[in-house]
Amino acid sequence: MKRTVAFLLASGSAALAHAQSAALEHSSPTAQEMVVLDFNGGSQSYEEPVDVSMAGNRITVVYKSPGVDFPEPPPPPAGGYRYQTQLGKFPAGDYEVAVMSGSTLVATIPFHVVASGTAIQPFEDHTDLWWNPEESGWGLNVMQHGAGPIFATWFAYGADGSPQWYVVPGGKWISPGAFAGSIYRTTGPSIAGAFDPSKVTRTLVGSASLVFYGGRLQASLTVDGATTYKTLQRQSF
């Protein structure tokens, strides 16, 4: 994976004996994809949570020392103290991350957010297991990628009571709260022993309309010409 990396300048302190570095997990994230900063503090440990603020297109990340004065500080972990900090989701454009240790600027990382190929973007992330608590035994798994597309798996039962698996491997957002895609029925061999991928089948059987509102999901599922309407909610654990 290509990464944008900035190595931090040593300050002369013994606490910074190990080299520090900062990198973005994705150097060119897609619009509305979560941007994550991977920071290696070297020998220096920091408080969590980390302070993240934004002014214009400049994001400032401040790592603060815990302020505990050990008589004999414990040795840092192999490879130094590492922190992963979520910076947020941003529209297309150019940005810069300022990485700070307290009030000292130690690195800057420019990055570019690429415009998404999806014309319409959802308002929020709907990734979850959706179900109807009155109909325990079937449900809809929704995985929403950072740029917006959905991959859904639907597990249910056929008229004869046999388990059925369906997938919605993609589609498009009709509005910021409504997604539509094709439904495929899948079958395959047992995973016990040697798995033969040539025996996996994917058959187009219909279409799905998923409308998200107020913590609910209105699913319109058409399979083999028959349409089922279901209102679902997030599975709570």
Protein backbone atom coordinates (compact mmCIF):
# COMPACT_ATOMS: atom_id res chain seq x y z
CA MET A 1 0.00 0.00 0.00
CA LYS A 2 1.36 3.40 -0.94
CA ARG A 3 1.79 5.66 2.07
CA THR A 4 2.67 9.31 2.63
CA VAL A 5 5.37 9.36 5.30
CA ALA A 6 7.07 12.18 7.21
CA PHE A 7 10.03 11.46 9.50
CA LEU A 8 10.14 13.78 12.47
CA LEU A 9 13.23 15.75 13.34
CA ALA A 10 15.01 14.75 16.54
CA SER A 11 14.78 17.34 19.31
CA GLY A 12 17.95 16.29 21.12
CA SER A 13 15.98 14.87 24.07
CA ALA A 14 16.88 11.40 25.32
CA ALA A 15 13.16 10.62 25.26
CA LEU A 16 13.28 10.93 21.46
CA ALA A 17 16.24 8.61 21.00
CA HIS A 18 14.22 6.40 18.66
CA ALA A 19 13.20 7.97 15.34
CA GLN A 20 9.62 9.20 15.18
CA SER A 21 7.49 9.03 12.03
CA ALA A 22 4.01 9.90 10.84
CA ALA A 23 2.13 8.44 7.88
CA LEU A 24 -1.34 8.38 6.38
CA GLU A 25 -2.79 4.93 5.77
CA HIS A 26 -3.89 6.13 2.32
CA SER A 27 -1.89 8.83 0.53
CA SER A 28 -4.82 9.68 -1.80
CA PRO A 29 -8.05 8.82 0.07
CA THR A 30 -11.39 8.93 -1.72
CA ALA A 31 -13.99 11.56 -0.82
CA GLN A 32 -15.76 10.62 2.44
CA GLU A 33 -13.27 7.82 3.18
CA MET A 34 -11.96 7.88 6.75
CA VAL A 35 -8.45 9.38 6.86
CA VAL A 36 -6.22 7.73 9.47
CA LEU A 37 -2.88 9.01 10.77
CA ASP A 38 -0.36 6.38 11.86
CA PHE A 39 2.05 8.03 14.31
CA ASN A 40 5.12 6.40 15.81
CA GLY A 41 6.20 8.35 18.87
CA GLY A 42 9.51 6.54 19.21
CA SER A 43 10.55 6.48 22.87
CA GLN A 44 7.95 9.09 23.84
CA SER A 45 4.50 7.98 25.05
CA TYR A 46 1.45 10.25 24.76
CA GLU A 47 -2.00 10.67 26.27
CA GLU A 48 -5.10 9.35 24.57
CA PRO A 49 -7.50 10.50 23.21
CA VAL A 50 -5.50 12.79 20.93
CA ASP A 51 -6.60 16.36 20.16
CA VAL A 52 -7.68 16.81 16.51
CA SER A 53 -8.86 20.17 15.13
CA MET A 54 -9.27 21.72 11.69
CA ALA A 55 -9.01 25.27 10.33
CA GLY A 56 -9.56 25.69 6.60
CA ASN A 57 -7.82 22.76 4.92
CA ARG A 58 -5.24 22.32 7.70
CA ILE A 59 -5.77 19.56 10.26
CA THR A 60 -3.85 19.82 13.52
CA VAL A 61 -3.13 16.72 15.60
CA VAL A 62 -1.69 17.35 19.06
CA TYR A 63 -0.05 14.54 21.04
CA LYS A 64 0.41 15.41 24.69
CA SER A 65 2.83 13.89 27.17
CA PRO A 66 1.05 12.11 30.05
CA GLY A 67 3.03 14.27 32.44
CA VAL A 68 3.99 11.39 34.73
CA ASP A 69 7.56 11.63 35.97
CA PHE A 70 8.88 8.10 36.45
CA PRO A 71 12.09 7.74 38.53
CA GLU A 72 13.17 5.17 35.96
CA PRO A 73 10.93 5.32 32.88
CA PRO A 74 10.05 1.88 31.55
CA PRO A 75 11.64 0.99 28.20
CA PRO A 76 9.49 1.72 25.14
CA PRO A 77 7.96 -1.20 23.24
CA ALA A 78 9.92 -2.64 20.34
CA GLY A 79 9.50 -0.27 17.43
CA GLY A 80 8.39 2.64 19.64
CA TYR A 81 4.99 3.86 20.86
CA ARG A 82 2.47 3.76 18.00
CA TYR A 83 -0.86 5.55 17.67
CA GLN A 84 -3.58 5.39 15.03
CA THR A 85 -5.71 8.54 14.96
CA GLN A 86 -8.85 9.02 12.87
CA LEU A 87 -8.79 12.50 11.33
CA GLY A 88 -12.22 12.46 9.68
CA LYS A 89 -13.89 12.19 6.27
CA PHE A 90 -13.35 15.02 3.79
CA PRO A 91 -14.63 16.17 0.40
CA ALA A 92 -12.30 16.20 -2.62
CA GLY A 93 -9.44 18.69 -2.35
CA ASP A 94 -5.95 19.34 -0.97
CA TYR A 95 -5.22 19.16 2.76
CA GLU A 96 -2.34 19.25 5.21
CA VAL A 97 -1.86 17.49 8.54
CA ALA A 98 0.22 19.23 11.21
CA VAL A 99 1.57 16.75 13.77
CA MET A 100 2.51 18.33 17.08
CA SER A 101 4.13 17.20 20.31
CA GLY A 102 2.60 19.57 22.82
CA SER A 103 3.21 23.06 21.36
CA THR A 104 6.06 21.92 19.10
CA LEU A 105 5.40 21.31 15.41
CA VAL A 106 7.23 18.13 14.51
CA ALA A 107 5.90 17.23 11.04
CA THR A 108 3.54 18.28 8.26
CA ILE A 109 1.95 15.85 5.79
CA PRO A 110 0.16 17.14 2.67
CA PHE A 111 -2.44 14.88 1.07
CA HIS A 112 -5.03 14.98 -1.71
CA VAL A 113 -8.59 13.65 -1.44
CA VAL A 114 -9.75 12.18 -4.75
CA ALA A 115 -13.28 12.87 -5.99
CA SER A 116 -15.49 9.80 -5.69
CA GLY A 117 -16.95 8.19 -8.77
CA THR A 118 -20.29 8.04 -6.96
CA ALA A 119 -22.36 11.10 -7.89
CA ILE A 120 -24.51 10.90 -4.74
CA GLN A 121 -22.98 10.36 -1.31
CA PRO A 122 -24.78 8.91 1.74
CA PHE A 123 -25.16 11.08 4.82
CA GLU A 124 -23.77 8.44 7.20
CA ASP A 125 -22.27 4.97 7.50
CA HIS A 126 -24.96 2.26 7.60
CA THR A 127 -22.59 -0.66 8.17
CA ASP A 128 -24.27 -3.08 10.58
CA LEU A 129 -26.34 -6.24 10.97
CA TRP A 130 -29.98 -5.31 10.32
CA TRP A 131 -32.93 -7.43 11.47
CA ASN A 132 -36.53 -7.52 12.67
CA PRO A 133 -36.58 -8.60 16.35
CA GLU A 134 -40.03 -10.13 15.74
CA GLU A 135 -38.56 -12.36 13.02
CA SER A 136 -35.35 -13.68 14.57
CA GLY A 137 -33.58 -16.14 12.30
CA TRP A 138 -32.87 -14.06 9.21
CA GLY A 139 -31.24 -10.71 8.56
CA LEU A 140 -29.29 -8.41 6.29
CA ASN A 141 -25.58 -7.64 6.72
CA VAL A 142 -24.64 -4.24 5.27
CA MET A 143 -21.00 -3.28 4.66
CA GLN A 144 -20.61 0.30 3.44
CA HIS A 145 -17.22 1.19 1.97
CA GLY A 146 -15.54 4.51 2.71
CA ALA A 147 -16.51 6.02 -0.67
CA GLY A 148 -20.16 5.01 -0.24
CA PRO A 149 -20.82 1.76 -2.18
CA ILE A 150 -22.60 -1.03 -0.31
CA PHE A 151 -21.96 -4.77 -0.26
CA ALA A 152 -24.82 -6.59 1.45
CA THR A 153 -25.39 -10.25 2.33
CA TRP A 154 -28.90 -11.52 2.98
CA PHE A 155 -29.40 -14.78 4.86
CA ALA A 156 -32.91 -16.25 4.90
CA TYR A 157 -34.85 -19.46 4.27
CA GLY A 158 -36.65 -20.74 1.19
CA ALA A 159 -40.26 -21.97 0.98
CA ASP A 160 -39.04 -25.48 1.87
CA GLY A 161 -37.17 -24.20 4.93
CA SER A 162 -33.72 -24.64 3.39
CA PRO A 163 -31.16 -21.90 4.09
CA GLN A 164 -30.70 -19.36 1.29
CA TRP A 165 -27.83 -16.92 0.74
CA TYR A 166 -28.10 -13.80 -1.38
CA VAL A 167 -25.66 -10.96 -2.02
CA VAL A 168 -25.99 -7.39 -3.24
CA PRO A 169 -22.40 -6.83 -4.42
CA GLY A 170 -22.84 -3.20 -5.43
CA GLY A 171 -25.21 -0.66 -6.88
CA LYS A 172 -25.71 3.08 -6.58
CA TRP A 173 -27.17 5.69 -4.27
CA ILE A 174 -30.45 7.06 -5.65
CA SER A 175 -30.48 9.69 -2.91
CA PRO A 176 -28.34 10.22 0.23
CA GLY A 177 -30.66 7.80 2.04
CA ALA A 178 -31.62 5.28 -0.66
CA PHE A 179 -29.46 2.60 -2.30
CA ALA A 180 -30.38 0.22 -5.13
CA GLY A 181 -28.56 -2.85 -6.48
CA SER A 182 -28.93 -6.30 -8.00
CA ILE A 183 -29.47 -9.46 -5.92
CA TYR A 184 -27.57 -12.68 -6.64
CA ARG A 185 -28.27 -16.11 -5.21
CA THR A 186 -25.11 -17.98 -4.24
CA THR A 187 -24.35 -21.64 -3.62
CA GLY A 188 -21.10 -23.49 -3.04
CA PRO A 189 -19.28 -26.44 -1.54
CA SER A 190 -18.56 -27.10 2.11
CA ILE A 191 -15.51 -25.34 3.55
CA ALA A 192 -14.49 -28.59 5.26
CA GLY A 193 -11.46 -30.06 3.53
CA ALA A 194 -10.12 -28.72 0.24
CA PHE A 195 -12.32 -25.89 -1.06
CA ASP A 196 -13.19 -25.96 -4.78
CA PRO A 197 -14.03 -22.37 -5.91
CA SER A 198 -15.21 -23.69 -9.29
CA LYS A 199 -18.31 -25.06 -7.53
CA VAL A 200 -19.41 -21.61 -6.33
CA THR A 201 -22.40 -20.30 -8.29
CA ARG A 202 -23.72 -16.73 -8.54
CA THR A 203 -27.12 -16.29 -10.20
CA LEU A 204 -28.83 -12.95 -10.81
CA VAL A 205 -32.31 -13.31 -9.29
CA GLY A 206 -33.65 -9.81 -8.70
CA SER A 207 -33.06 -6.38 -7.21
CA ALA A 208 -32.94 -4.62 -3.85
CA SER A 209 -33.96 -1.16 -2.72
CA LEU A 210 -32.60 -0.11 0.68
CA VAL A 211 -33.95 3.09 2.24
CA PHE A 212 -32.33 4.28 5.49
CA TYR A 213 -34.19 6.69 7.78
CA GLY A 214 -34.24 7.47 11.50
CA GLY A 215 -32.24 4.39 12.47
CA ARG A 216 -34.47 2.12 10.39
CA LEU A 217 -34.02 0.31 7.09
CA GLN A 218 -36.91 -0.16 4.69
CA ALA A 219 -35.88 -3.06 2.43
CA SER A 220 -37.67 -3.88 -0.81
CA LEU A 221 -36.32 -7.25 -1.98
CA THR A 222 -37.40 -8.72 -5.32
CA VAL A 223 -36.37 -12.34 -5.92
CA ASP A 224 -37.61 -14.52 -8.80
CA GLY A 225 -40.33 -11.98 -9.56
CA ALA A 226 -41.75 -11.81 -6.01
CA THR A 227 -41.22 -8.65 -3.91
CA THR A 228 -40.94 -8.63 -0.12
CA TYR A 229 -41.09 -5.44 1.95
CA LYS A 230 -39.42 -5.44 5.37
CA THR A 231 -38.66 -2.78 7.98
CA LEU A 232 -35.44 -3.55 9.85
CA GLN A 233 -33.37 -2.06 12.65
CA ARG A 234 -29.76 -2.33 13.74
CA GLN A 235 -28.89 -5.43 15.73
CA SER A 236 -27.93 -4.41 19.27
CA PHE A 237 -25.56 -6.49 21.38
